[in-house]
Protein backbone atom coordinates (compact mmCIF):
# COMPACT_ATOMS: atom_id res chain seq x y z
CA MET A 1 7.45 4.24 18.00
CA LYS A 2 9.40 5.87 15.18
CA GLU A 3 11.77 2.91 14.80
CA LEU A 4 8.86 0.46 14.54
CA LEU A 5 7.10 2.62 11.94
CA GLN A 6 10.33 2.89 9.95
CA GLN A 7 10.50 -0.91 9.93
CA TYR A 8 6.85 -1.18 8.86
CA ALA A 9 7.36 1.37 6.08
CA ALA A 10 10.43 -0.50 4.81
CA HIS A 11 8.58 -3.83 5.09
CA ASN A 12 5.64 -2.38 3.13
CA ILE A 13 7.92 -1.46 0.22
CA TRP A 14 9.87 -4.74 0.36
CA ALA A 15 6.82 -7.03 0.59
CA THR A 16 4.96 -5.31 -2.22
CA LYS A 17 8.04 -5.50 -4.47
CA LEU A 18 8.33 -9.24 -3.79
CA LEU A 19 4.75 -9.87 -4.86
CA ILE A 20 5.07 -7.60 -7.88
CA GLY A 21 8.08 -9.71 -8.87
CA ALA A 22 5.89 -12.83 -8.77
CA ILE A 23 3.13 -11.08 -10.73
CA ASN A 24 5.62 -9.90 -13.36
CA LEU A 25 6.43 -13.54 -14.16
CA LEU A 26 2.85 -14.05 -15.37
CA PRO A 27 1.64 -13.45 -18.90
CA GLU A 28 0.50 -9.83 -19.16
CA GLU A 29 -3.14 -10.77 -19.76
CA ASN A 30 -3.26 -12.17 -16.22
CA TYR A 31 -2.81 -8.67 -14.74
CA THR A 32 -6.38 -7.80 -15.63
CA ALA A 33 -7.89 -11.31 -15.66
CA ALA A 34 -11.11 -11.56 -13.68
CA ILE A 35 -10.48 -13.21 -10.30
CA THR A 36 -13.03 -13.26 -7.51
CA SER A 37 -11.79 -11.13 -4.62
CA SER A 38 -12.47 -7.71 -3.10
CA PHE A 39 -11.29 -6.23 -6.38
CA PRO A 40 -11.75 -7.98 -9.73
CA SER A 41 -8.09 -8.34 -10.79
CA LEU A 42 -4.47 -8.06 -9.74
CA TYR A 43 -4.34 -4.66 -11.46
CA LYS A 44 -7.42 -3.33 -9.63
CA THR A 45 -6.16 -4.61 -6.27
CA ILE A 46 -2.84 -2.82 -6.70
CA GLN A 47 -4.67 0.26 -7.91
CA HIS A 48 -6.70 0.21 -4.69
CA MET A 49 -3.54 -0.17 -2.60
CA TRP A 50 -2.13 2.95 -4.26
CA LEU A 51 -5.44 4.78 -3.82
CA ALA A 52 -5.48 4.09 -0.08
CA GLU A 53 -1.92 5.33 0.43
CA GLU A 54 -2.59 8.36 -1.77
CA VAL A 55 -5.79 9.35 0.06
CA TRP A 56 -4.16 9.04 3.46
CA TRP A 57 -1.14 11.06 2.24
CA LYS A 58 -3.40 13.87 1.12
CA ARG A 59 -5.42 13.76 4.35
CA HIS A 60 -2.19 13.81 6.33
CA LYS A 61 -0.99 16.82 4.32
CA LEU A 62 -4.35 18.50 5.03
CA VAL A 63 -5.34 18.76 1.38
CA GLU A 64 -8.79 20.31 1.54
CA HIS A 65 -10.28 19.14 -1.76
CA ILE A 66 -8.69 15.79 -2.49
CA ILE A 67 -8.31 14.78 -6.11
CA ILE A 68 -7.47 11.10 -6.28
CA GLU A 69 -5.17 10.45 -9.24
CA SER A 70 -5.14 6.69 -8.68
CA GLU A 71 -8.92 6.38 -8.89
CA LYS A 72 -9.11 7.09 -12.62
CA PHE A 73 -5.69 5.72 -13.54
CA GLU A 74 -5.70 3.54 -16.67
CA GLY A 75 -1.99 3.33 -17.46
CA SER A 76 0.18 0.26 -17.84
CA PHE A 77 0.79 -2.22 -15.06
CA THR A 78 4.40 -1.00 -14.81
CA GLU A 79 3.24 2.61 -14.41
CA LEU A 80 0.70 1.52 -11.79
CA VAL A 81 3.33 -0.33 -9.78
CA ASN A 82 5.74 2.62 -10.07
CA ASN A 83 3.08 4.98 -8.73
CA LEU A 84 2.33 2.72 -5.76
CA ASN A 85 6.04 2.36 -5.02
CA LYS A 86 6.56 6.12 -5.27
CA GLN A 87 3.77 6.73 -2.77
CA SER A 88 5.11 4.06 -0.39
CA VAL A 89 8.62 5.56 -0.57
CA GLN A 90 7.12 8.98 0.16
CA TRP A 91 5.64 7.58 3.37
CA LYS A 92 8.95 6.00 4.36
CA GLU A 93 10.86 9.22 3.73
CA TRP A 94 8.36 11.20 5.79
CA ILE A 95 8.67 8.77 8.70
CA ASP A 96 12.48 8.82 8.45
CA GLY A 97 12.45 12.60 8.84
CA CYS A 98 9.68 13.03 11.38
CA THR A 99 9.87 13.58 15.13
CA GLU A 100 8.10 11.61 17.87
CA ALA A 101 5.87 14.66 18.38
CA GLN A 102 4.80 14.50 14.73
CA LEU A 103 3.88 10.84 15.17
CA GLN A 104 1.72 11.72 18.20
CA HIS A 105 0.09 14.70 16.44
CA VAL A 106 -3.68 14.32 16.10
CA PHE A 107 -4.97 15.51 12.76
CA ALA A 108 -8.50 16.01 11.52
CA PHE A 109 -9.81 14.76 8.20
CA ILE A 110 -13.08 14.35 6.35
CA ARG A 111 -14.22 10.87 5.39
CA GLN A 112 -17.55 10.41 3.66
CA LYS A 113 -18.61 13.96 4.65
CA GLU A 114 -17.92 13.31 8.35
CA GLN A 115 -15.00 14.73 10.33
CA PHE A 116 -12.66 12.44 12.27
CA LYS A 117 -9.48 12.85 14.28
CA LEU A 118 -6.62 10.38 14.48
CA PRO A 119 -3.05 10.41 15.80
CA THR A 120 -0.56 10.16 12.95
CA TYR A 121 1.01 6.95 14.27
CA GLN A 122 -2.39 5.21 14.24
CA MET A 123 -3.01 6.33 10.68
CA LEU A 124 0.39 4.93 9.67
CA LEU A 125 -0.33 1.61 11.38
CA HIS A 126 -3.62 1.49 9.48
CA ILE A 127 -1.89 2.13 6.14
CA PHE A 128 0.63 -0.67 6.64
CA ASN A 129 -1.98 -3.09 7.99
CA HIS A 130 -4.25 -2.29 5.03
CA ALA A 131 -1.44 -3.04 2.58
CA THR A 132 -0.73 -6.35 4.31
CA TYR A 133 -4.40 -7.31 3.98
CA HIS A 134 -4.41 -6.65 0.25
CA ARG A 135 -1.06 -8.38 -0.30
CA GLY A 136 -2.74 -11.43 1.22
CA GLN A 137 -5.46 -11.10 -1.39
CA LEU A 138 -2.81 -10.84 -4.12
CA VAL A 139 -1.29 -14.10 -2.85
CA THR A 140 -4.67 -15.83 -3.08
CA MET A 141 -5.23 -14.40 -6.55
CA LEU A 142 -1.80 -15.65 -7.65
CA ARG A 143 -2.65 -19.12 -6.34
CA ASN A 144 -5.93 -19.01 -8.25
CA LEU A 145 -3.89 -18.27 -11.38
CA GLY A 146 -1.83 -21.41 -10.72
CA VAL A 147 1.30 -19.78 -9.32
CA GLN A 148 2.95 -22.20 -6.91
CA LYS A 149 6.13 -20.35 -5.98
CA ILE A 150 5.04 -17.27 -4.04
CA PRO A 151 7.59 -15.47 -1.84
CA SER A 152 6.97 -15.02 1.87
CA THR A 153 6.16 -11.42 2.66
CA ASP A 154 5.83 -11.92 6.43
CA PHE A 155 7.21 -9.18 8.65
CA SER A 156 9.27 -11.80 10.49
CA THR A 157 10.88 -12.89 7.20
CA PHE A 158 11.70 -9.26 6.44
CA CYS A 159 13.28 -8.83 9.90
CA MET A 160 15.34 -12.02 9.62
CA LEU A 161 16.70 -10.95 6.21
CA LYS A 162 17.76 -7.49 7.40
């Protein structure tokens, strides 16, 4: 299980960096341009990706009163991307140093005032699957902005390149 999660964590960082590279080729005004999707812009989609990883990190670390820095973030696109990358690297480093027992550990957390329990490995799978979902939205948003050359971020592509 640990080896697979290490691969997913590395893929998460790699795939997001590839798409950020494609986004960075756009004029800066496109970062916040209104595009119909779950979130109204490339910027807001990436902000949500960071938010999700940040919230799960704090739940995982058993932070009792979670303050979500990403939620009110209004910095530059570069700062936003750096914050998401930092959070993703934090997950990878944790997985690299964890034991199989830590991956099986069931932790409790509060979500919308209700308590839940989840094994750590399932939470990690959720995080990486969630990021993949939103990277797919970023691809669609890029296509809507007229970008034709979008890199493949498939897990199989990642594995074949490693």
